[in-house]
Protein backbone atom coordinates (compact mmCIF):
# COMPACT_ATOMS: atom_id res chain seq x y z
CA UNK A 1 85.32 125.40 133.99
CA UNK A 2 82.10 123.70 135.13
CA UNK A 3 84.16 121.05 136.94
CA UNK A 4 86.13 123.77 138.73
CA UNK A 5 82.86 125.43 139.74
CA UNK A 6 81.61 122.20 141.31
CA UNK A 7 84.86 120.98 142.87
CA UNK A 8 86.32 124.26 144.20
CA UNK A 9 83.79 127.10 144.28
CA UNK A 10 80.76 125.11 145.48
CA UNK A 11 82.49 123.89 148.70
CA UNK A 12 83.50 127.50 149.52
CA UNK A 13 79.84 128.56 149.34
CA UNK A 14 78.70 125.41 151.15
CA UNK A 15 80.93 125.99 154.20
CA UNK A 16 79.44 129.49 154.46
CA UNK A 17 76.01 127.92 154.90
CA UNK A 18 77.39 125.30 157.29
CA UNK A 19 78.52 128.17 159.53
CA UNK A 20 74.98 129.61 159.59
CA UNK A 21 73.54 126.14 160.22
CA UNK A 22 75.80 125.27 163.16
CA UNK A 23 75.16 128.56 164.96
CA UNK A 24 71.43 128.41 164.22
CA UNK A 25 71.33 125.04 165.98
CA UNK A 26 73.35 126.41 168.91
CA UNK A 27 70.98 129.38 169.20
CA UNK A 28 67.89 127.17 169.18
CA UNK A 29 66.71 128.48 165.80
CA UNK A 30 64.63 126.09 163.72
CA UNK A 31 66.57 125.16 160.59
CA UNK A 32 63.78 123.95 158.33
CA UNK A 33 66.05 122.78 155.50
CA UNK A 34 69.73 122.40 154.77
CA UNK A 35 70.22 122.06 151.03
CA UNK A 36 73.28 120.89 149.15
CA UNK A 37 73.15 122.80 145.87
CA UNK A 38 70.37 125.20 144.89
CA UNK A 39 66.76 124.30 143.99
CA UNK A 40 64.95 122.79 142.22
CA UNK A 41 65.16 119.86 144.60
CA UNK A 42 66.47 116.57 143.29
CA UNK A 43 65.72 114.39 146.29
CA UNK A 44 65.28 114.37 150.05
CA UNK A 45 68.26 112.84 151.83
CA UNK A 46 66.42 112.53 155.14
CA UNK A 47 65.62 114.48 158.27
CA UNK A 48 67.42 115.18 161.49
CA UNK A 49 65.95 114.22 164.84
CA UNK A 50 62.80 116.13 165.80
CA UNK A 51 59.90 115.78 168.20
CA UNK A 52 56.15 116.20 168.50
CA UNK A 53 53.51 116.29 171.19
CA UNK A 54 50.17 114.53 171.10
CA UNK A 55 48.29 116.27 173.84
CA UNK A 56 50.93 116.53 176.58
CA UNK A 57 52.91 113.45 175.53
CA UNK A 58 56.37 114.28 174.18
CA UNK A 59 57.53 111.88 171.42
CA UNK A 60 60.94 111.91 169.74
CA UNK A 61 61.01 111.66 165.93
CA UNK A 62 64.11 109.61 165.02
CA UNK A 63 66.53 110.85 162.36
CA UNK A 64 65.64 109.74 158.81
CA UNK A 65 62.04 108.96 159.87
CA UNK A 66 59.69 109.22 156.86
CA UNK A 67 56.93 111.64 157.80
CA UNK A 68 53.64 111.34 155.91
CA UNK A 69 52.54 114.37 153.87
CA UNK A 70 49.96 116.87 155.19
CA UNK A 71 51.11 116.50 158.80
CA UNK A 72 51.23 119.82 160.63
CA UNK A 73 50.52 121.33 164.01
CA UNK A 74 46.81 121.12 164.86
CA UNK A 75 46.05 118.00 162.81
CA UNK A 76 44.76 114.81 164.46
CA UNK A 77 47.10 111.86 164.17
CA UNK A 78 47.36 108.20 165.04
CA UNK A 79 50.82 107.29 166.30
CA UNK A 80 52.58 104.26 167.67
CA UNK A 81 55.52 105.04 169.96
CA UNK A 82 57.89 102.87 171.92
CA UNK A 83 58.58 103.82 175.53
CA UNK A 84 62.25 103.84 176.50
CA UNK A 85 63.85 102.99 179.83
CA UNK A 86 63.88 106.69 180.77
CA UNK A 87 60.09 106.74 180.11
CA UNK A 88 60.51 108.90 177.00
CA UNK A 89 58.75 107.92 173.79
CA UNK A 90 60.26 107.30 170.35
CA UNK A 91 58.03 107.40 167.29
CA UNK A 92 57.52 104.12 165.41
CA UNK A 93 54.71 105.05 162.98
CA UNK A 94 52.53 108.07 162.26
CA UNK A 95 49.48 108.70 160.11
CA UNK A 96 46.47 111.01 159.95
CA UNK A 97 43.68 109.94 162.32
CA UNK A 98 40.32 108.86 160.92
CA UNK A 99 38.46 110.31 163.89
CA UNK A 100 39.04 113.11 166.36
CA UNK A 101 38.75 110.94 169.45
CA UNK A 102 41.63 110.91 171.96
CA UNK A 103 42.98 107.40 172.62
CA UNK A 104 45.91 105.98 174.55
CA UNK A 105 46.41 102.21 174.66
CA UNK A 106 49.06 99.53 174.72
CA UNK A 107 49.59 97.56 171.49
CA UNK A 108 52.07 94.93 170.32
CA UNK A 109 54.55 97.47 168.93
CA UNK A 110 54.38 99.87 171.88
CA UNK A 111 51.80 102.49 172.79
CA UNK A 112 49.18 103.79 170.39
CA UNK A 113 48.26 107.44 170.83
CA UNK A 114 45.56 109.29 168.97
CA UNK A 115 45.05 113.00 169.41
CA UNK A 116 45.82 116.51 168.25
CA UNK A 117 49.37 117.56 167.42
CA UNK A 118 49.98 120.36 169.90
CA UNK A 119 53.68 120.66 168.97
CA UNK A 120 55.31 119.56 165.73
CA UNK A 121 59.06 119.97 165.21
CA UNK A 122 59.90 117.61 162.32
CA UNK A 123 63.67 118.16 162.38
CA UNK A 124 65.85 119.61 159.64
CA UNK A 125 65.23 118.35 156.12
CA UNK A 126 68.46 117.55 154.29
CA UNK A 127 68.10 117.85 150.53
CA UNK A 128 70.14 117.40 147.38
CA UNK A 129 69.34 119.96 144.70
CA UNK A 130 69.93 120.15 140.97
CA UNK A 131 72.18 123.23 140.78
CA UNK A 132 75.56 122.09 142.23
CA UNK A 133 76.63 125.54 143.47
CA UNK A 134 77.09 125.60 147.24
CA UNK A 135 74.01 125.26 149.39
CA UNK A 136 71.49 127.08 151.57
CA UNK A 137 69.92 127.08 155.03
CA UNK A 138 66.24 127.92 155.34
CA UNK A 139 65.56 129.19 158.86
CA UNK A 140 62.22 130.08 160.39
CA UNK A 141 61.34 133.77 160.56
CA UNK A 142 64.43 135.78 159.72
CA UNK A 143 62.38 138.95 160.19
CA UNK A 144 59.26 137.73 162.02
CA UNK A 145 59.69 137.15 165.81
CA UNK A 146 56.22 135.66 166.35
CA UNK A 147 57.57 132.08 166.45
CA UNK A 148 59.77 131.44 169.54
CA UNK A 149 62.12 129.27 167.48
CA UNK A 150 62.52 131.84 164.69
CA UNK A 151 65.79 133.66 164.15
CA UNK A 152 64.13 137.02 164.81
CA UNK A 153 62.91 135.84 168.24
CA UNK A 154 66.42 135.15 169.57
CA UNK A 155 68.49 137.57 171.67
CA UNK A 156 70.45 140.14 169.67
CA UNK A 157 73.84 138.54 170.42
CA UNK A 158 72.66 135.21 169.03
CA UNK A 159 71.15 136.78 165.92
CA UNK A 160 74.43 138.53 165.17
CA UNK A 161 76.35 135.30 165.84
CA UNK A 162 74.14 133.29 163.46
CA UNK A 163 74.28 135.94 160.75
CA UNK A 164 78.04 136.49 161.03
CA UNK A 165 78.94 132.79 161.33
CA UNK A 166 78.99 132.16 157.57
CA UNK A 167 81.45 134.98 156.92
CA UNK A 168 83.59 133.95 159.91
CA UNK A 169 83.85 130.38 158.60
CA UNK A 170 84.86 131.72 155.18
CA UNK A 171 87.63 133.85 156.70
CA UNK A 172 88.89 130.91 158.76
CA UNK A 173 88.76 128.72 155.64
CA UNK A 174 90.77 131.35 153.74
CA UNK A 175 93.57 131.08 156.32
CA UNK A 176 93.47 127.26 156.32
CA UNK A 177 93.60 127.08 152.51
CA UNK A 178 96.70 129.27 152.54
CA UNK A 179 98.25 127.09 155.25
CA UNK A 180 97.68 124.07 153.00
CA UNK A 181 99.22 125.98 150.10
CA UNK A 182 102.35 127.01 152.00
CA UNK A 183 102.92 123.53 153.46
CA UNK A 184 102.49 121.93 150.01
CA UNK A 185 105.28 124.10 148.61
CA UNK A 186 105.93 127.60 147.24
CA UNK A 187 108.65 128.40 144.66
CA UNK A 188 111.42 130.69 145.90
CA UNK A 189 112.79 131.13 142.36
CA UNK A 190 111.04 131.60 139.03
CA UNK A 191 112.02 130.74 135.48
CA UNK A 192 110.14 131.79 132.33
CA UNK A 193 107.75 129.94 130.04
CA UNK A 194 107.45 131.20 126.45
CA UNK A 195 103.76 131.41 125.59
CA UNK A 196 104.01 132.88 122.09
CA UNK A 197 106.71 133.58 119.50
CA UNK A 198 106.24 136.52 117.11
CA UNK A 199 106.74 135.93 113.41
CA UNK A 200 110.06 137.15 111.92
CA UNK A 201 111.46 137.81 115.38
CA UNK A 202 114.82 136.99 116.93
CA UNK A 203 113.12 134.24 118.93
CA UNK A 204 111.72 132.60 115.77
CA UNK A 205 115.12 132.80 114.08
CA UNK A 206 116.71 131.11 117.11
CA UNK A 207 114.16 128.27 116.99
CA UNK A 208 112.33 129.09 120.22
CA UNK A 209 108.83 127.58 120.54
CA UNK A 210 105.79 128.14 122.76
CA UNK A 211 106.01 126.13 126.01
CA UNK A 212 109.82 126.31 126.06
CA UNK A 213 111.14 127.04 129.56
CA UNK A 214 114.05 129.50 129.71
CA UNK A 215 116.44 128.30 132.42
CA UNK A 216 119.55 130.43 131.86
CA UNK A 217 121.02 133.14 129.61
CA UNK A 218 124.77 133.33 128.97
CA UNK A 219 125.41 131.10 131.97
CA UNK A 220 123.31 133.29 134.31
CA UNK A 221 120.49 131.21 135.81
CA UNK A 222 117.04 132.82 135.66
CA UNK A 223 115.71 132.94 139.22
CA UNK A 224 113.53 136.07 139.29
CA UNK A 225 111.17 135.19 136.45
CA UNK A 226 110.08 137.51 133.64
CA UNK A 227 111.67 140.68 135.02
CA UNK A 228 115.04 138.94 135.25
CA UNK A 229 114.92 137.66 131.63
CA UNK A 230 113.63 140.99 130.32
CA UNK A 231 116.49 142.92 131.98
CA UNK A 232 119.12 140.62 130.47
CA UNK A 233 117.69 140.75 126.94
CA UNK A 234 117.05 144.52 126.99
CA UNK A 235 120.72 145.08 127.90
CA UNK A 236 122.02 143.13 124.83
CA UNK A 237 120.61 144.54 121.60
CA UNK A 238 122.18 143.00 118.48
CA UNK A 239 124.41 140.80 120.69
CA UNK A 240 124.22 137.02 120.42
CA UNK A 241 123.18 135.34 123.66
CA UNK A 242 123.11 131.68 124.62
CA UNK A 243 119.75 130.44 125.94
CA UNK A 244 119.43 127.25 127.95
CA UNK A 245 115.88 125.95 127.65
CA UNK A 246 113.81 122.96 128.67
CA UNK A 247 111.65 121.47 125.94
CA UNK A 248 109.59 118.37 126.74
CA UNK A 249 111.99 117.31 129.50
CA UNK A 250 115.07 117.77 127.27
CA UNK A 251 117.69 120.49 127.87
CA UNK A 252 118.67 122.47 124.77
CA UNK A 253 121.07 125.34 124.10
CA UNK A 254 120.07 127.90 121.46
CA UNK A 255 121.75 131.05 120.20
CA UNK A 256 119.63 134.18 119.72
CA UNK A 257 120.42 137.74 118.70
CA UNK A 258 117.94 140.24 120.24
CA UNK A 259 116.79 142.84 117.74
CA UNK A 260 117.54 146.47 118.57
CA UNK A 261 114.43 148.52 119.32
CA UNK A 262 114.01 152.25 118.67
CA UNK A 263 114.68 152.98 122.33
CA UNK A 264 117.96 151.11 122.16
CA UNK A 265 116.85 148.04 124.07
CA UNK A 266 117.05 144.43 122.88
CA UNK A 267 113.93 142.48 121.91
CA UNK A 268 113.47 138.71 121.48
CA UNK A 269 109.87 138.90 120.26
CA UNK A 270 108.18 136.58 122.75
CA UNK A 271 105.25 136.58 125.13
CA UNK A 272 106.01 134.93 128.43
CA UNK A 273 104.65 133.87 131.79
CA UNK A 274 106.32 132.84 135.08
CA UNK A 275 107.36 129.22 135.55
CA UNK A 276 108.40 127.80 138.96
CA UNK A 277 111.92 126.53 139.45
CA UNK A 278 111.17 123.03 140.74
CA UNK A 279 114.61 122.84 142.37
CA UNK A 280 113.78 125.81 144.59
CA UNK A 281 110.38 124.92 146.06
CA UNK A 282 110.12 125.72 149.76
CA UNK A 283 107.77 123.70 151.95
CA UNK A 284 106.84 125.65 155.08
CA UNK A 285 106.47 124.09 158.51
CA UNK A 286 102.97 124.28 159.99
CA UNK A 287 103.85 127.19 162.29
CA UNK A 288 105.60 129.09 159.47
CA UNK A 289 102.67 128.46 157.15
CA UNK A 290 100.17 129.69 159.74
CA UNK A 291 102.17 132.88 160.36
CA UNK A 292 102.49 133.60 156.63
CA UNK A 293 98.81 132.81 156.00
CA UNK A 294 97.55 135.14 158.74
CA UNK A 295 99.82 137.92 157.43
CA UNK A 296 98.59 137.39 153.85
CA UNK A 297 94.95 137.40 154.99
CA UNK A 298 95.41 140.62 156.97
CA UNK A 299 97.09 142.28 153.97
CA UNK A 300 94.27 141.15 151.67
CA UNK A 301 91.64 142.57 154.05
CA UNK A 302 93.45 145.92 154.29
CA UNK A 303 93.86 146.04 150.51
CA UNK A 304 90.15 145.29 150.01
CA UNK A 305 89.12 148.29 152.10
CA UNK A 306 91.70 150.48 150.37
CA UNK A 307 90.32 149.79 146.86
CA UNK A 308 87.92 152.81 146.77
CA UNK A 309 90.71 155.16 147.87
CA UNK A 310 93.16 153.67 145.35
CA UNK A 311 90.58 154.17 142.60
CA UNK A 312 90.05 157.80 143.55
CA UNK A 313 93.80 158.43 143.61
CA UNK A 314 94.25 156.68 140.26
CA UNK A 315 96.63 154.06 141.69
CA UNK A 316 94.52 151.32 140.10
CA UNK A 317 92.26 151.38 137.06
CA UNK A 318 88.52 150.54 137.08
CA UNK A 319 89.37 147.46 135.00
CA UNK A 320 91.70 146.21 137.75
CA UNK A 321 89.00 146.74 140.39
CA UNK A 322 86.09 145.34 138.37
CA UNK A 323 83.77 143.05 140.33
CA UNK A 324 83.42 139.44 139.18
CA UNK A 325 80.35 137.27 138.95
CA UNK A 326 80.33 133.52 139.46
CA UNK A 327 81.36 133.24 135.79
CA UNK A 328 84.42 135.44 136.28
CA UNK A 329 85.37 133.72 139.52
CA UNK A 330 85.08 130.33 137.81
CA UNK A 331 87.35 131.57 135.00
CA UNK A 332 90.02 132.60 137.50
CA UNK A 333 89.71 129.32 139.40
CA UNK A 334 89.91 127.28 136.19
CA UNK A 335 93.03 129.18 135.11
CA UNK A 336 94.83 128.72 138.43
CA UNK A 337 93.80 125.05 138.58
CA UNK A 338 95.31 124.70 135.11
CA UNK A 339 98.47 126.37 136.42
CA UNK A 340 98.62 124.04 139.43
CA UNK A 341 98.35 120.99 137.20
CA UNK A 342 101.03 122.27 134.78
CA UNK A 343 103.37 123.39 137.55
CA UNK A 344 102.67 120.31 139.70
CA UNK A 345 102.11 122.69 142.63
CA UNK A 346 98.89 123.07 144.65
CA UNK A 347 99.70 126.61 145.76
CA UNK A 348 98.17 128.60 142.84
CA UNK A 349 94.69 127.10 143.09
CA UNK A 350 94.75 127.03 146.92
CA UNK A 351 95.80 130.68 147.07
CA UNK A 352 93.01 131.66 144.65
CA UNK A 353 90.43 129.61 146.54
CA UNK A 354 91.60 131.33 149.73
CA UNK A 355 91.12 134.80 148.23
CA UNK A 356 87.65 133.85 146.94
CA UNK A 357 86.61 132.48 150.34
CA UNK A 358 87.88 135.68 151.98
CA UNK A 359 86.06 137.85 149.42
CA UNK A 360 82.82 135.92 149.98
CA UNK A 361 83.10 136.40 153.73
CA UNK A 362 83.90 140.12 153.55
CA UNK A 363 81.24 140.84 150.91
CA UNK A 364 78.54 139.19 153.01
CA UNK A 365 79.45 141.44 155.95
CA UNK A 366 78.78 144.62 153.96
CA UNK A 367 75.73 146.48 155.39
CA UNK A 368 73.72 146.00 152.19
CA UNK A 369 70.14 144.76 151.95
CA UNK A 370 69.66 140.99 151.64
CA UNK A 371 73.27 140.30 152.72
CA UNK A 372 74.22 139.05 156.18
CA UNK A 373 75.75 142.44 156.92
CA UNK A 374 72.45 144.15 156.05
CA UNK A 375 70.59 141.94 158.51
CA UNK A 376 73.23 142.56 161.18
CA UNK A 377 72.79 146.28 160.51
CA UNK A 378 69.10 146.00 161.45
CA UNK A 379 70.01 144.21 164.69
CA UNK A 380 72.41 147.06 165.54
CA UNK A 381 69.69 149.64 164.75
CA UNK A 382 67.42 147.78 167.15
CA UNK A 383 70.13 147.86 169.83
CA UNK A 384 70.52 151.64 169.43
CA UNK A 385 66.80 152.49 169.16
CA UNK A 386 65.73 150.04 171.84
CA UNK A 387 62.98 148.64 169.62
CA UNK A 388 62.77 146.55 166.50
CA UNK A 389 62.09 147.81 162.98
CA UNK A 390 58.75 146.33 161.94
CA UNK A 391 59.11 142.92 160.22
CA UNK A 392 57.14 144.17 157.22
CA UNK A 393 59.51 147.11 156.61
CA UNK A 394 62.61 144.99 157.08
CA UNK A 395 61.27 142.28 154.75
CA UNK A 396 60.48 144.89 152.09
CA UNK A 397 63.95 146.44 152.46
CA UNK A 398 65.62 143.07 151.88
CA UNK A 399 63.27 142.18 149.02
CA UNK A 400 64.11 145.39 147.15
CA UNK A 401 67.78 144.75 147.89
CA UNK A 402 67.60 141.24 146.43
CA UNK A 403 66.05 142.58 143.23
CA UNK A 404 68.76 145.24 142.88
CA UNK A 405 71.61 142.83 143.72
CA UNK A 406 70.32 140.16 141.33
CA UNK A 407 70.00 142.72 138.53
CA UNK A 408 73.53 143.94 139.20
CA UNK A 409 74.85 140.38 139.32
CA UNK A 410 73.21 139.55 135.98
CA UNK A 411 74.85 142.63 134.45
CA UNK A 412 78.28 141.64 135.82
CA UNK A 413 77.76 138.07 134.64
CA UNK A 414 76.96 139.31 131.14
CA UNK A 415 80.10 141.44 131.21
CA UNK A 416 82.16 138.39 132.26
CA UNK A 417 80.81 136.49 129.25
CA UNK A 418 81.41 139.31 126.75
CA UNK A 419 84.70 140.55 128.20
CA UNK A 420 86.10 137.63 130.23
CA UNK A 421 88.67 138.27 132.94
CA UNK A 422 90.67 135.31 131.62
CA UNK A 423 90.46 134.98 127.80
CA UNK A 424 88.47 131.90 126.82
CA UNK A 425 91.35 130.77 124.59
CA UNK A 426 93.61 130.40 127.62
CA UNK A 427 91.06 128.13 129.32
CA UNK A 428 90.63 125.91 126.28
CA UNK A 429 94.29 125.08 125.69
């Protein structure tokens, strides 16, 4: 399950942050750090290109340049920069100055400049962190507009674009994952896998075993999965039927006599799950896959917003609508990855990853504190009122929201451990 978390779930969270990062750069917002994984920090991978000014001299800081510690705006530094053909300067070395005396002279390696840092934009720090679950973008001033390169200082349209970009990327990724699933192949017909055989049942007497695949009954090929097999068996109580099964790549024929139940229906005494008919796997063209994926995504979005109404009407139970923590999501992903490997089909895990990416995008757009939707909500309030909510109040609102959301998430996580969505036994087989 941990491997599934790293290989499948982490990239879904990471692309969300990549969306924020790209639009922050486009909006001119300072992205102080882009982290792969969550802190604590393991190591610094390097920095993007930045710049500084010593007095009025603009100097480019190359990507991956190692900046000395304790350098910040207002400190006095001693720098050596190389002048380019376009008369711009590129930093070669930088250190704290021993004296606060302005200097500007030619040296062997370029031009030496000593003076006060009037501007210091070090570039984005790229880091690798110990917790391999997605990533994060640390931007300057999400609530405080005092810095001109902060998120809060940008025009409202750009703030909304930056905040909504992560969710938008997740929704796009959801469609693309489904496209990949449909083009890789989707079964049109389903057989049945026996997962358990009850003691002293008709199935045990016939010699059926767990992991047997039921292909046909009395010459009728199973092509509609569990419902198809159930209908045939229920219609033949106390009548001997001929089962064609696959066991370890070998085709066998077994005779079974379904027991008669009190309601008059036949029972084999098995637990079962769907199994794809490998001879009926349809591989969609790219255009067909895109059409089907967009339709599936639209249906999933509509269904998501209908959940509260369905709960009120009693169409679904609270257990069916229960929220899942990262633990629960990992359980589902691990189960569908297991299915994909057993079925030799990528569709199950790609479809699940698509739904998770979609859920992450939609959840982050909810107008709740600390979420992207909550921050967008404050921008919309500002647009209606004509003035901004004070940074202090907004920061406090989001802080309280984080505390509440984290407490709720810990509760849901505990529930997923105690009462897992997918039984642990099914993930350990």
